[in-house]
Amino acid sequence: MDAKRLRRTIVGTVVSDKMDKTVVVETSRLVKHPVYKKLIKKRATYKAHDKENQCKAGDRVLIVESRPLSKHKRWNVREILEERA
């Protein structure tokens, strides 16, 4: 089995591109509250490596899990799915 195929992939939105070769990607999901059954929006942020500094804030990107690149960076930007308008 190829190790690259087993890596997790996430689609998210770039919320910050101010660092050099790093973007912050935010993902959101709906979770039902266990007692009140109301849908709650949960979000998570990931720091991802952007080798060519192509991503801009607002872009939808596909990120893939990788080895630790720095203290907080564990993801790579694989492709830009949709550029901001």
N, C-alpha and C. Protein backbone atom coordinates (compact mmCIF):
# COMPACT_ATOMS: atom_id res chain seq x y z
N MET A 1 0.83 -1.19 0.00
CA MET A 1 0.00 0.00 0.00
C MET A 1 0.87 1.25 0.00
N ASP A 2 0.42 2.22 -0.73
CA ASP A 2 1.14 3.48 -0.81
C ASP A 2 0.79 4.35 0.40
N ALA A 3 1.79 4.83 1.11
CA ALA A 3 1.56 5.62 2.31
C ALA A 3 0.86 6.94 2.01
N LYS A 4 1.08 7.50 0.83
CA LYS A 4 0.46 8.79 0.50
C LYS A 4 -1.05 8.66 0.35
N ARG A 5 -1.55 7.50 -0.02
CA ARG A 5 -2.99 7.32 -0.16
C ARG A 5 -3.70 7.23 1.18
N LEU A 6 -2.98 6.85 2.22
CA LEU A 6 -3.60 6.68 3.53
C LEU A 6 -3.65 7.97 4.33
N ARG A 7 -3.06 9.03 3.84
CA ARG A 7 -3.04 10.28 4.58
C ARG A 7 -4.39 10.96 4.54
N ARG A 8 -4.74 11.61 5.67
CA ARG A 8 -6.03 12.29 5.76
C ARG A 8 -6.03 13.53 4.87
N THR A 9 -7.16 13.83 4.29
CA THR A 9 -7.33 15.06 3.51
C THR A 9 -8.53 15.81 4.06
N ILE A 10 -8.43 17.15 4.04
CA ILE A 10 -9.49 18.01 4.55
C ILE A 10 -9.67 19.17 3.58
N VAL A 11 -10.92 19.56 3.36
CA VAL A 11 -11.22 20.74 2.56
C VAL A 11 -11.61 21.86 3.52
N GLY A 12 -10.99 23.02 3.35
CA GLY A 12 -11.28 24.14 4.24
C GLY A 12 -11.06 25.47 3.55
N THR A 13 -11.25 26.54 4.32
CA THR A 13 -11.12 27.90 3.82
C THR A 13 -9.91 28.56 4.47
N VAL A 14 -9.11 29.25 3.66
CA VAL A 14 -7.94 29.96 4.18
C VAL A 14 -8.44 31.21 4.92
N VAL A 15 -8.04 31.34 6.19
CA VAL A 15 -8.44 32.52 6.96
C VAL A 15 -7.28 33.48 7.17
N SER A 16 -6.05 33.01 7.00
CA SER A 16 -4.89 33.89 7.15
C SER A 16 -3.76 33.41 6.25
N ASP A 17 -3.12 34.37 5.56
CA ASP A 17 -1.96 34.05 4.72
C ASP A 17 -0.81 35.00 5.02
N LYS A 18 -0.75 35.51 6.24
CA LYS A 18 0.24 36.53 6.58
C LYS A 18 1.63 35.97 6.85
N MET A 19 1.73 34.66 7.14
CA MET A 19 3.04 34.07 7.40
C MET A 19 3.69 33.66 6.08
N ASP A 20 5.01 33.52 6.10
CA ASP A 20 5.74 33.11 4.91
C ASP A 20 5.62 31.60 4.74
N LYS A 21 5.07 31.18 3.59
CA LYS A 21 4.91 29.77 3.23
C LYS A 21 4.01 28.99 4.19
N THR A 22 3.14 29.68 4.90
CA THR A 22 2.19 29.04 5.82
C THR A 22 0.84 29.72 5.70
N VAL A 23 -0.21 28.91 5.68
CA VAL A 23 -1.57 29.45 5.70
C VAL A 23 -2.33 28.79 6.85
N VAL A 24 -3.33 29.51 7.37
CA VAL A 24 -4.21 28.95 8.40
C VAL A 24 -5.52 28.60 7.70
N VAL A 25 -5.90 27.33 7.81
CA VAL A 25 -7.10 26.81 7.14
C VAL A 25 -8.13 26.47 8.21
N GLU A 26 -9.36 26.94 8.00
CA GLU A 26 -10.44 26.69 8.95
C GLU A 26 -11.46 25.75 8.32
N THR A 27 -11.88 24.76 9.10
CA THR A 27 -12.94 23.85 8.65
C THR A 27 -14.07 23.94 9.65
N SER A 28 -15.29 23.70 9.19
CA SER A 28 -16.43 23.72 10.09
C SER A 28 -17.29 22.48 9.83
N ARG A 29 -17.97 22.04 10.89
CA ARG A 29 -18.84 20.88 10.78
C ARG A 29 -20.01 21.07 11.73
N LEU A 30 -21.12 20.41 11.44
CA LEU A 30 -22.30 20.48 12.28
C LEU A 30 -22.34 19.26 13.19
N VAL A 31 -22.57 19.49 14.49
CA VAL A 31 -22.64 18.43 15.49
C VAL A 31 -23.94 18.59 16.26
N LYS A 32 -24.64 17.49 16.48
CA LYS A 32 -25.88 17.55 17.25
C LYS A 32 -25.55 17.48 18.74
N HIS A 33 -26.12 18.40 19.52
CA HIS A 33 -25.91 18.42 20.96
C HIS A 33 -26.52 17.16 21.57
N PRO A 34 -25.77 16.47 22.46
CA PRO A 34 -26.25 15.19 22.96
C PRO A 34 -27.54 15.26 23.79
N VAL A 35 -27.77 16.36 24.49
CA VAL A 35 -28.97 16.47 25.33
C VAL A 35 -30.08 17.24 24.62
N TYR A 36 -29.74 18.42 24.06
CA TYR A 36 -30.76 19.31 23.51
C TYR A 36 -31.05 19.08 22.03
N LYS A 37 -30.26 18.23 21.37
CA LYS A 37 -30.49 17.85 19.97
C LYS A 37 -30.42 19.01 18.99
N LYS A 38 -29.86 20.13 19.41
CA LYS A 38 -29.71 21.27 18.51
C LYS A 38 -28.41 21.13 17.74
N LEU A 39 -28.41 21.55 16.48
CA LEU A 39 -27.19 21.50 15.68
C LEU A 39 -26.28 22.67 16.05
N ILE A 40 -25.04 22.35 16.32
CA ILE A 40 -24.04 23.34 16.71
C ILE A 40 -22.93 23.32 15.69
N LYS A 41 -22.47 24.50 15.27
CA LYS A 41 -21.37 24.58 14.32
C LYS A 41 -20.04 24.57 15.08
N LYS A 42 -19.22 23.56 14.80
CA LYS A 42 -17.89 23.46 15.40
C LYS A 42 -16.87 23.80 14.33
N ARG A 43 -15.77 24.43 14.72
CA ARG A 43 -14.73 24.73 13.75
C ARG A 43 -13.37 24.36 14.30
N ALA A 44 -12.47 24.10 13.38
CA ALA A 44 -11.11 23.76 13.74
C ALA A 44 -10.18 24.48 12.78
N THR A 45 -9.00 24.86 13.26
CA THR A 45 -8.02 25.53 12.39
C THR A 45 -6.77 24.68 12.31
N TYR A 46 -6.16 24.69 11.14
CA TYR A 46 -4.94 23.94 10.87
C TYR A 46 -3.94 24.87 10.19
N LYS A 47 -2.67 24.75 10.56
CA LYS A 47 -1.62 25.47 9.84
C LYS A 47 -1.07 24.54 8.77
N ALA A 48 -1.02 25.03 7.54
CA ALA A 48 -0.60 24.20 6.41
C ALA A 48 0.53 24.88 5.65
N HIS A 49 1.41 24.07 5.09
CA HIS A 49 2.56 24.56 4.33
C HIS A 49 2.13 24.89 2.91
N ASP A 50 2.39 26.11 2.49
CA ASP A 50 2.07 26.59 1.13
C ASP A 50 3.40 26.94 0.47
N LYS A 51 3.95 26.00 -0.29
CA LYS A 51 5.31 26.11 -0.79
C LYS A 51 5.55 27.36 -1.64
N GLU A 52 4.60 27.72 -2.51
CA GLU A 52 4.81 28.86 -3.41
C GLU A 52 4.07 30.12 -3.00
N ASN A 53 3.52 30.17 -1.80
CA ASN A 53 2.75 31.33 -1.34
C ASN A 53 1.64 31.71 -2.31
N GLN A 54 0.91 30.73 -2.83
CA GLN A 54 -0.14 30.99 -3.81
C GLN A 54 -1.50 31.27 -3.16
N CYS A 55 -1.74 30.72 -1.99
CA CYS A 55 -3.05 30.83 -1.35
C CYS A 55 -3.28 32.24 -0.81
N LYS A 56 -4.50 32.70 -0.95
CA LYS A 56 -4.93 33.98 -0.40
C LYS A 56 -6.10 33.73 0.54
N ALA A 57 -6.36 34.67 1.44
CA ALA A 57 -7.47 34.54 2.38
C ALA A 57 -8.78 34.44 1.60
N GLY A 58 -9.61 33.48 1.97
CA GLY A 58 -10.89 33.26 1.30
C GLY A 58 -10.88 32.11 0.32
N ASP A 59 -9.71 31.61 -0.06
CA ASP A 59 -9.63 30.47 -0.99
C ASP A 59 -10.08 29.19 -0.30
N ARG A 60 -10.74 28.31 -1.07
CA ARG A 60 -11.03 26.96 -0.57
C ARG A 60 -9.90 26.05 -1.05
N VAL A 61 -9.31 25.32 -0.11
CA VAL A 61 -8.14 24.50 -0.43
C VAL A 61 -8.32 23.08 0.09
N LEU A 62 -7.56 22.17 -0.52
CA LEU A 62 -7.48 20.79 -0.07
C LEU A 62 -6.13 20.63 0.60
N ILE A 63 -6.15 20.22 1.89
CA ILE A 63 -4.89 20.02 2.61
C ILE A 63 -4.74 18.54 2.92
N VAL A 64 -3.50 18.09 2.97
CA VAL A 64 -3.20 16.68 3.22
C VAL A 64 -2.23 16.58 4.38
N GLU A 65 -2.43 15.55 5.21
CA GLU A 65 -1.60 15.35 6.39
C GLU A 65 -0.17 15.01 5.98
N SER A 66 0.81 15.49 6.77
CA SER A 66 2.21 15.22 6.46
C SER A 66 2.99 15.04 7.76
N ARG A 67 4.27 14.89 7.63
CA ARG A 67 5.12 14.80 8.81
C ARG A 67 5.17 16.18 9.46
N PRO A 68 5.57 16.27 10.73
CA PRO A 68 5.67 17.58 11.37
C PRO A 68 6.71 18.45 10.67
N LEU A 69 6.27 19.64 10.24
CA LEU A 69 7.16 20.57 9.54
C LEU A 69 7.68 21.65 10.49
N SER A 70 6.95 21.92 11.56
CA SER A 70 7.38 22.87 12.59
C SER A 70 6.57 22.54 13.84
N LYS A 71 6.59 23.42 14.81
CA LYS A 71 5.90 23.14 16.07
C LYS A 71 4.40 22.90 15.88
N HIS A 72 3.76 23.67 15.00
CA HIS A 72 2.31 23.56 14.81
C HIS A 72 1.91 23.09 13.42
N LYS A 73 2.84 23.04 12.48
CA LYS A 73 2.50 22.76 11.08
C LYS A 73 2.60 21.26 10.80
N ARG A 74 1.43 20.65 10.46
CA ARG A 74 1.38 19.21 10.19
C ARG A 74 0.65 18.89 8.89
N TRP A 75 0.38 19.90 8.08
CA TRP A 75 -0.41 19.73 6.85
C TRP A 75 0.27 20.42 5.68
N ASN A 76 0.00 19.94 4.47
CA ASN A 76 0.47 20.56 3.22
C ASN A 76 -0.73 20.93 2.37
N VAL A 77 -0.63 22.04 1.66
CA VAL A 77 -1.67 22.41 0.71
C VAL A 77 -1.44 21.60 -0.56
N ARG A 78 -2.43 20.77 -0.92
CA ARG A 78 -2.29 19.97 -2.13
C ARG A 78 -2.76 20.76 -3.36
N GLU A 79 -3.93 21.42 -3.25
CA GLU A 79 -4.41 22.19 -4.38
C GLU A 79 -5.41 23.24 -3.92
N ILE A 80 -5.53 24.28 -4.73
CA ILE A 80 -6.53 25.33 -4.50
C ILE A 80 -7.77 24.93 -5.29
N LEU A 81 -8.88 24.68 -4.60
CA LEU A 81 -10.09 24.24 -5.26
C LEU A 81 -10.87 25.41 -5.85
N GLU A 82 -10.92 26.53 -5.13
CA GLU A 82 -11.71 27.67 -5.56
C GLU A 82 -11.04 28.93 -5.06
N GLU A 83 -10.72 29.83 -5.97
CA GLU A 83 -10.10 31.09 -5.57
C GLU A 83 -11.15 32.09 -5.17
N ARG A 84 -10.78 33.01 -4.27
CA ARG A 84 -11.74 34.02 -3.82
C ARG A 84 -12.11 34.94 -4.96
N ALA A 85 -13.27 35.51 -4.87
CA ALA A 85 -13.76 36.36 -5.95
C ALA A 85 -13.14 37.74 -5.92
